């Protein structure tokens, strides 16, 4: 199992970061090609580090979005999320050319 927690951001001078990959390919798909035998799940990349450890939010801890092509591995990542007090969202999502595509989540 490989958990991809990266974001394909490009930081230019004096501006906000922009997406470096994702218009015709996704970073998750590239990770899968780099490790073709791995079961890749995209996770832990939508919540910034200040909200990872004991966040004090009125509605509780933020949800953790996950995406991948293997149901068993997504369940394993969902368990990791649960263990760190996060609800995993996107268990029905698959990696695709534009990132994650969800069926009915």
N, C-alpha and C. Protein backbone atom coordinates (compact mmCIF):
# COMPACT_ATOMS: atom_id res chain seq x y z
N UNK A 1 0.85 -1.17 0.00
CA UNK A 1 0.00 0.00 0.00
C UNK A 1 0.90 1.24 0.00
N UNK A 2 0.54 2.21 -0.82
CA UNK A 2 1.24 3.49 -0.87
C UNK A 2 0.21 4.59 -0.64
N UNK A 3 0.43 5.41 0.38
CA UNK A 3 -0.43 6.56 0.63
C UNK A 3 0.26 7.77 0.03
N UNK A 4 -0.39 8.38 -0.94
CA UNK A 4 0.14 9.56 -1.60
C UNK A 4 -0.48 10.78 -0.94
N UNK A 5 0.33 11.53 -0.20
CA UNK A 5 -0.15 12.72 0.52
C UNK A 5 0.34 14.00 -0.15
N UNK A 6 0.76 13.90 -1.39
CA UNK A 6 1.34 15.05 -2.07
C UNK A 6 0.28 15.90 -2.76
N UNK A 7 0.65 17.13 -3.03
CA UNK A 7 -0.14 18.05 -3.84
C UNK A 7 0.77 18.60 -4.93
N UNK A 8 0.34 18.56 -6.17
CA UNK A 8 1.20 19.02 -7.26
C UNK A 8 1.14 20.54 -7.42
N UNK A 9 1.69 21.25 -6.46
CA UNK A 9 1.63 22.71 -6.50
C UNK A 9 2.96 23.29 -6.97
N UNK A 10 2.82 24.37 -7.70
CA UNK A 10 3.99 25.10 -8.19
C UNK A 10 3.96 26.49 -7.55
N UNK A 11 5.03 26.85 -6.90
CA UNK A 11 5.11 28.13 -6.20
C UNK A 11 5.95 29.10 -7.01
N UNK A 12 5.32 30.15 -7.49
CA UNK A 12 6.01 31.17 -8.26
C UNK A 12 6.31 32.37 -7.40
N UNK A 13 7.10 33.28 -7.92
CA UNK A 13 7.45 34.47 -7.13
C UNK A 13 6.24 35.38 -6.91
N UNK A 14 6.01 35.72 -5.65
CA UNK A 14 5.01 36.71 -5.30
C UNK A 14 3.56 36.36 -5.53
N UNK A 15 3.25 35.13 -5.81
CA UNK A 15 1.86 34.79 -6.07
C UNK A 15 1.41 33.57 -5.31
N UNK A 16 0.17 33.24 -5.50
CA UNK A 16 -0.37 32.04 -4.87
C UNK A 16 0.10 30.81 -5.64
N UNK A 17 0.16 29.66 -4.96
CA UNK A 17 0.57 28.45 -5.68
C UNK A 17 -0.47 28.09 -6.73
N UNK A 18 -0.01 27.44 -7.79
CA UNK A 18 -0.93 26.98 -8.82
C UNK A 18 -0.70 25.49 -9.07
N UNK A 19 -1.68 24.87 -9.66
CA UNK A 19 -1.62 23.44 -9.96
C UNK A 19 -0.60 23.18 -11.05
N UNK A 20 0.38 22.34 -10.76
CA UNK A 20 1.43 22.03 -11.73
C UNK A 20 1.07 20.82 -12.59
N UNK A 21 0.27 19.93 -12.06
CA UNK A 21 -0.16 18.71 -12.76
C UNK A 21 -1.64 18.56 -12.48
N UNK A 22 -2.39 18.07 -13.43
CA UNK A 22 -3.78 17.79 -13.12
C UNK A 22 -4.76 18.13 -14.21
N UNK A 23 -4.32 18.70 -15.28
CA UNK A 23 -5.25 19.07 -16.33
C UNK A 23 -5.43 17.96 -17.36
N UNK A 24 -4.41 17.16 -17.56
CA UNK A 24 -4.51 16.00 -18.46
C UNK A 24 -4.02 14.73 -17.78
N UNK A 25 -3.51 14.86 -16.59
CA UNK A 25 -2.95 13.75 -15.83
C UNK A 25 -3.07 14.13 -14.36
N UNK A 26 -3.01 13.17 -13.46
CA UNK A 26 -3.04 13.50 -12.04
C UNK A 26 -1.77 12.98 -11.39
N UNK A 27 -1.38 13.62 -10.28
CA UNK A 27 -0.19 13.17 -9.58
C UNK A 27 -0.39 11.77 -9.02
N UNK A 28 -1.61 11.46 -8.58
CA UNK A 28 -1.89 10.10 -8.10
C UNK A 28 -1.65 9.05 -9.17
N UNK A 29 -2.04 9.36 -10.40
CA UNK A 29 -1.79 8.43 -11.50
C UNK A 29 -0.30 8.31 -11.79
N UNK A 30 0.43 9.40 -11.67
CA UNK A 30 1.88 9.33 -11.87
C UNK A 30 2.54 8.47 -10.80
N UNK A 31 2.11 8.63 -9.55
CA UNK A 31 2.64 7.80 -8.48
C UNK A 31 2.36 6.33 -8.80
N UNK A 32 1.16 6.02 -9.29
CA UNK A 32 0.82 4.65 -9.64
C UNK A 32 1.74 4.13 -10.74
N UNK A 33 2.06 4.97 -11.73
CA UNK A 33 2.97 4.53 -12.80
C UNK A 33 4.39 4.34 -12.27
N UNK A 34 4.82 5.19 -11.32
CA UNK A 34 6.16 5.06 -10.75
C UNK A 34 6.28 3.79 -9.90
N UNK A 35 5.18 3.36 -9.32
CA UNK A 35 5.15 2.15 -8.47
C UNK A 35 4.00 1.27 -8.95
N UNK A 36 4.14 0.63 -10.13
CA UNK A 36 3.01 -0.05 -10.75
C UNK A 36 2.41 -1.21 -9.94
N UNK A 37 3.17 -1.79 -9.05
CA UNK A 37 2.63 -2.90 -8.25
C UNK A 37 2.00 -2.43 -6.94
N UNK A 38 2.19 -1.17 -6.62
CA UNK A 38 1.64 -0.62 -5.37
C UNK A 38 0.14 -0.37 -5.53
N UNK A 39 -0.53 -0.41 -4.43
CA UNK A 39 -1.95 -0.03 -4.38
C UNK A 39 -1.99 1.36 -3.78
N UNK A 40 -2.19 2.36 -4.64
CA UNK A 40 -2.06 3.76 -4.26
C UNK A 40 -3.40 4.32 -3.78
N UNK A 41 -3.34 5.02 -2.66
CA UNK A 41 -4.50 5.76 -2.15
C UNK A 41 -4.03 7.19 -1.90
N UNK A 42 -4.77 8.12 -2.43
CA UNK A 42 -4.50 9.55 -2.21
C UNK A 42 -5.20 9.92 -0.90
N UNK A 43 -4.45 10.44 0.05
CA UNK A 43 -5.02 10.79 1.36
C UNK A 43 -4.10 11.77 2.08
N UNK A 44 -4.63 12.43 3.09
CA UNK A 44 -3.87 13.32 3.97
C UNK A 44 -3.30 14.53 3.25
N UNK A 45 -3.87 14.92 2.12
CA UNK A 45 -3.34 16.06 1.39
C UNK A 45 -4.33 17.22 1.31
N UNK A 46 -5.47 17.11 1.97
CA UNK A 46 -6.46 18.19 1.88
C UNK A 46 -6.59 18.97 3.17
N UNK A 47 -5.90 18.56 4.22
CA UNK A 47 -5.96 19.24 5.51
C UNK A 47 -4.55 19.74 5.83
N UNK A 48 -4.41 21.02 6.06
CA UNK A 48 -3.10 21.59 6.37
C UNK A 48 -2.57 21.15 7.72
N UNK A 49 -1.27 21.24 7.91
CA UNK A 49 -0.64 20.74 9.13
C UNK A 49 -1.17 21.38 10.41
N UNK A 50 -1.63 22.65 10.43
CA UNK A 50 -2.17 23.19 11.69
C UNK A 50 -3.43 22.45 12.16
N UNK A 51 -4.11 21.77 11.26
CA UNK A 51 -5.34 21.07 11.63
C UNK A 51 -5.14 19.57 11.81
N UNK A 52 -3.90 19.11 11.78
CA UNK A 52 -3.67 17.68 11.92
C UNK A 52 -3.63 17.23 13.38
N UNK A 53 -2.98 17.97 14.22
CA UNK A 53 -2.80 17.54 15.60
C UNK A 53 -3.70 18.34 16.52
N UNK A 54 -4.68 17.66 17.10
CA UNK A 54 -5.61 18.25 18.06
C UNK A 54 -6.23 19.57 17.58
N UNK A 55 -6.87 19.55 16.43
CA UNK A 55 -7.50 20.79 15.97
C UNK A 55 -8.68 21.17 16.86
N UNK A 56 -8.85 22.42 17.09
CA UNK A 56 -9.94 22.92 17.92
C UNK A 56 -10.96 23.61 17.01
N UNK A 57 -11.78 22.82 16.35
CA UNK A 57 -12.81 23.35 15.46
C UNK A 57 -14.18 23.11 16.07
N UNK A 58 -15.08 24.04 15.88
CA UNK A 58 -16.41 23.92 16.48
C UNK A 58 -17.14 22.65 16.06
N UNK A 59 -17.01 22.27 14.81
CA UNK A 59 -17.71 21.09 14.30
C UNK A 59 -16.95 19.79 14.49
N UNK A 60 -15.83 19.83 15.19
CA UNK A 60 -15.00 18.64 15.38
C UNK A 60 -13.88 18.60 14.36
N UNK A 61 -13.11 17.54 14.37
CA UNK A 61 -11.96 17.47 13.46
C UNK A 61 -12.41 17.43 12.00
N UNK A 62 -11.57 17.92 11.10
CA UNK A 62 -11.95 17.93 9.68
C UNK A 62 -11.99 16.51 9.10
N UNK A 63 -12.83 16.34 8.09
CA UNK A 63 -12.89 15.07 7.38
C UNK A 63 -11.62 14.88 6.56
N UNK A 64 -11.27 13.64 6.31
CA UNK A 64 -10.11 13.32 5.50
C UNK A 64 -10.61 12.68 4.20
N UNK A 65 -10.32 13.31 3.08
CA UNK A 65 -10.75 12.78 1.79
C UNK A 65 -9.73 11.78 1.29
N UNK A 66 -10.23 10.65 0.78
CA UNK A 66 -9.35 9.60 0.25
C UNK A 66 -9.83 9.22 -1.14
N UNK A 67 -8.90 8.67 -1.91
CA UNK A 67 -9.22 8.28 -3.28
C UNK A 67 -8.25 7.18 -3.70
N UNK A 68 -8.75 6.17 -4.37
CA UNK A 68 -7.90 5.08 -4.86
C UNK A 68 -8.71 4.08 -5.64
N UNK A 69 -8.04 3.07 -6.16
CA UNK A 69 -8.70 2.08 -7.02
C UNK A 69 -8.90 0.73 -6.35
N UNK A 70 -8.44 0.56 -5.13
CA UNK A 70 -8.55 -0.74 -4.45
C UNK A 70 -9.39 -0.57 -3.18
N UNK A 71 -10.52 -1.24 -3.14
CA UNK A 71 -11.46 -1.08 -2.02
C UNK A 71 -10.85 -1.50 -0.69
N UNK A 72 -10.08 -2.59 -0.67
CA UNK A 72 -9.49 -3.06 0.59
C UNK A 72 -8.45 -2.07 1.13
N UNK A 73 -7.67 -1.51 0.24
CA UNK A 73 -6.66 -0.54 0.68
C UNK A 73 -7.33 0.74 1.15
N UNK A 74 -8.41 1.17 0.48
CA UNK A 74 -9.14 2.35 0.95
C UNK A 74 -9.75 2.09 2.33
N UNK A 75 -10.19 0.86 2.58
CA UNK A 75 -10.70 0.52 3.93
C UNK A 75 -9.58 0.63 4.95
N UNK A 76 -8.37 0.16 4.59
CA UNK A 76 -7.24 0.24 5.52
C UNK A 76 -6.89 1.70 5.82
N UNK A 77 -6.90 2.55 4.81
CA UNK A 77 -6.62 3.97 5.02
C UNK A 77 -7.74 4.60 5.83
N UNK A 78 -8.97 4.19 5.61
CA UNK A 78 -10.10 4.68 6.41
C UNK A 78 -9.90 4.34 7.88
N UNK A 79 -9.37 3.13 8.15
CA UNK A 79 -9.10 2.74 9.55
C UNK A 79 -8.01 3.63 10.16
N UNK A 80 -6.99 3.95 9.37
CA UNK A 80 -5.94 4.86 9.86
C UNK A 80 -6.57 6.21 10.19
N UNK A 81 -7.42 6.70 9.32
CA UNK A 81 -8.10 7.98 9.58
C UNK A 81 -8.89 7.91 10.87
N UNK A 82 -9.63 6.82 11.07
CA UNK A 82 -10.42 6.65 12.28
C UNK A 82 -9.53 6.67 13.52
N UNK A 83 -8.36 6.01 13.42
CA UNK A 83 -7.45 5.95 14.55
C UNK A 83 -6.89 7.31 14.94
N UNK A 84 -6.82 8.23 13.99
CA UNK A 84 -6.35 9.58 14.33
C UNK A 84 -7.53 10.55 14.45
N UNK A 85 -8.70 9.99 14.68
CA UNK A 85 -9.91 10.77 14.95
C UNK A 85 -10.36 11.58 13.73
N UNK A 86 -10.35 10.95 12.56
CA UNK A 86 -10.84 11.58 11.34
C UNK A 86 -11.84 10.65 10.67
N UNK A 87 -12.81 11.25 10.04
CA UNK A 87 -13.76 10.48 9.24
C UNK A 87 -13.25 10.51 7.81
N UNK A 88 -13.12 9.34 7.20
CA UNK A 88 -12.66 9.26 5.81
C UNK A 88 -13.85 9.44 4.88
N UNK A 89 -13.69 10.31 3.91
CA UNK A 89 -14.72 10.55 2.90
C UNK A 89 -14.15 10.15 1.55
N UNK A 90 -15.00 9.63 0.71
CA UNK A 90 -14.55 9.31 -0.64
C UNK A 90 -14.18 7.86 -0.83
N UNK A 91 -14.69 6.98 0.01
CA UNK A 91 -14.33 5.57 -0.11
C UNK A 91 -14.79 4.98 -1.44
N UNK A 92 -15.69 5.67 -2.14
CA UNK A 92 -16.15 5.17 -3.44
C UNK A 92 -15.49 5.91 -4.60
N UNK A 93 -14.40 6.63 -4.33
CA UNK A 93 -13.72 7.39 -5.38
C UNK A 93 -12.60 6.56 -6.00
N UNK A 94 -12.32 6.87 -7.28
CA UNK A 94 -11.26 6.18 -8.01
C UNK A 94 -10.31 7.23 -8.58
N UNK A 95 -9.03 6.84 -8.71
CA UNK A 95 -8.08 7.72 -9.36
C UNK A 95 -8.40 7.80 -10.84
N UNK A 96 -8.33 8.98 -11.41
CA UNK A 96 -8.61 9.16 -12.83
C UNK A 96 -7.75 10.28 -13.38
N UNK A 97 -7.89 10.55 -14.64
CA UNK A 97 -7.08 11.57 -15.30
C UNK A 97 -7.21 12.93 -14.64
N UNK A 98 -8.35 13.26 -14.08
CA UNK A 98 -8.49 14.57 -13.45
C UNK A 98 -8.42 14.48 -11.92
N UNK A 99 -7.81 13.45 -11.39
CA UNK A 99 -7.68 13.31 -9.95
C UNK A 99 -8.62 12.24 -9.46
N UNK A 100 -9.51 12.59 -8.57
CA UNK A 100 -10.46 11.63 -8.02
C UNK A 100 -11.83 11.85 -8.63
N UNK A 101 -12.45 10.76 -9.01
CA UNK A 101 -13.84 10.82 -9.47
C UNK A 101 -14.68 9.99 -8.52
N UNK A 102 -15.75 10.57 -8.04
CA UNK A 102 -16.60 9.88 -7.08
C UNK A 102 -17.88 9.41 -7.74
N UNK A 103 -18.31 8.22 -7.35
CA UNK A 103 -19.56 7.68 -7.89
C UNK A 103 -20.76 8.29 -7.16
N UNK A 104 -20.88 8.06 -5.89
CA UNK A 104 -22.06 8.57 -5.18
C UNK A 104 -21.73 9.03 -3.78
N UNK A 105 -20.57 9.59 -3.57
CA UNK A 105 -20.17 10.18 -2.29
C UNK A 105 -20.19 11.67 -2.44
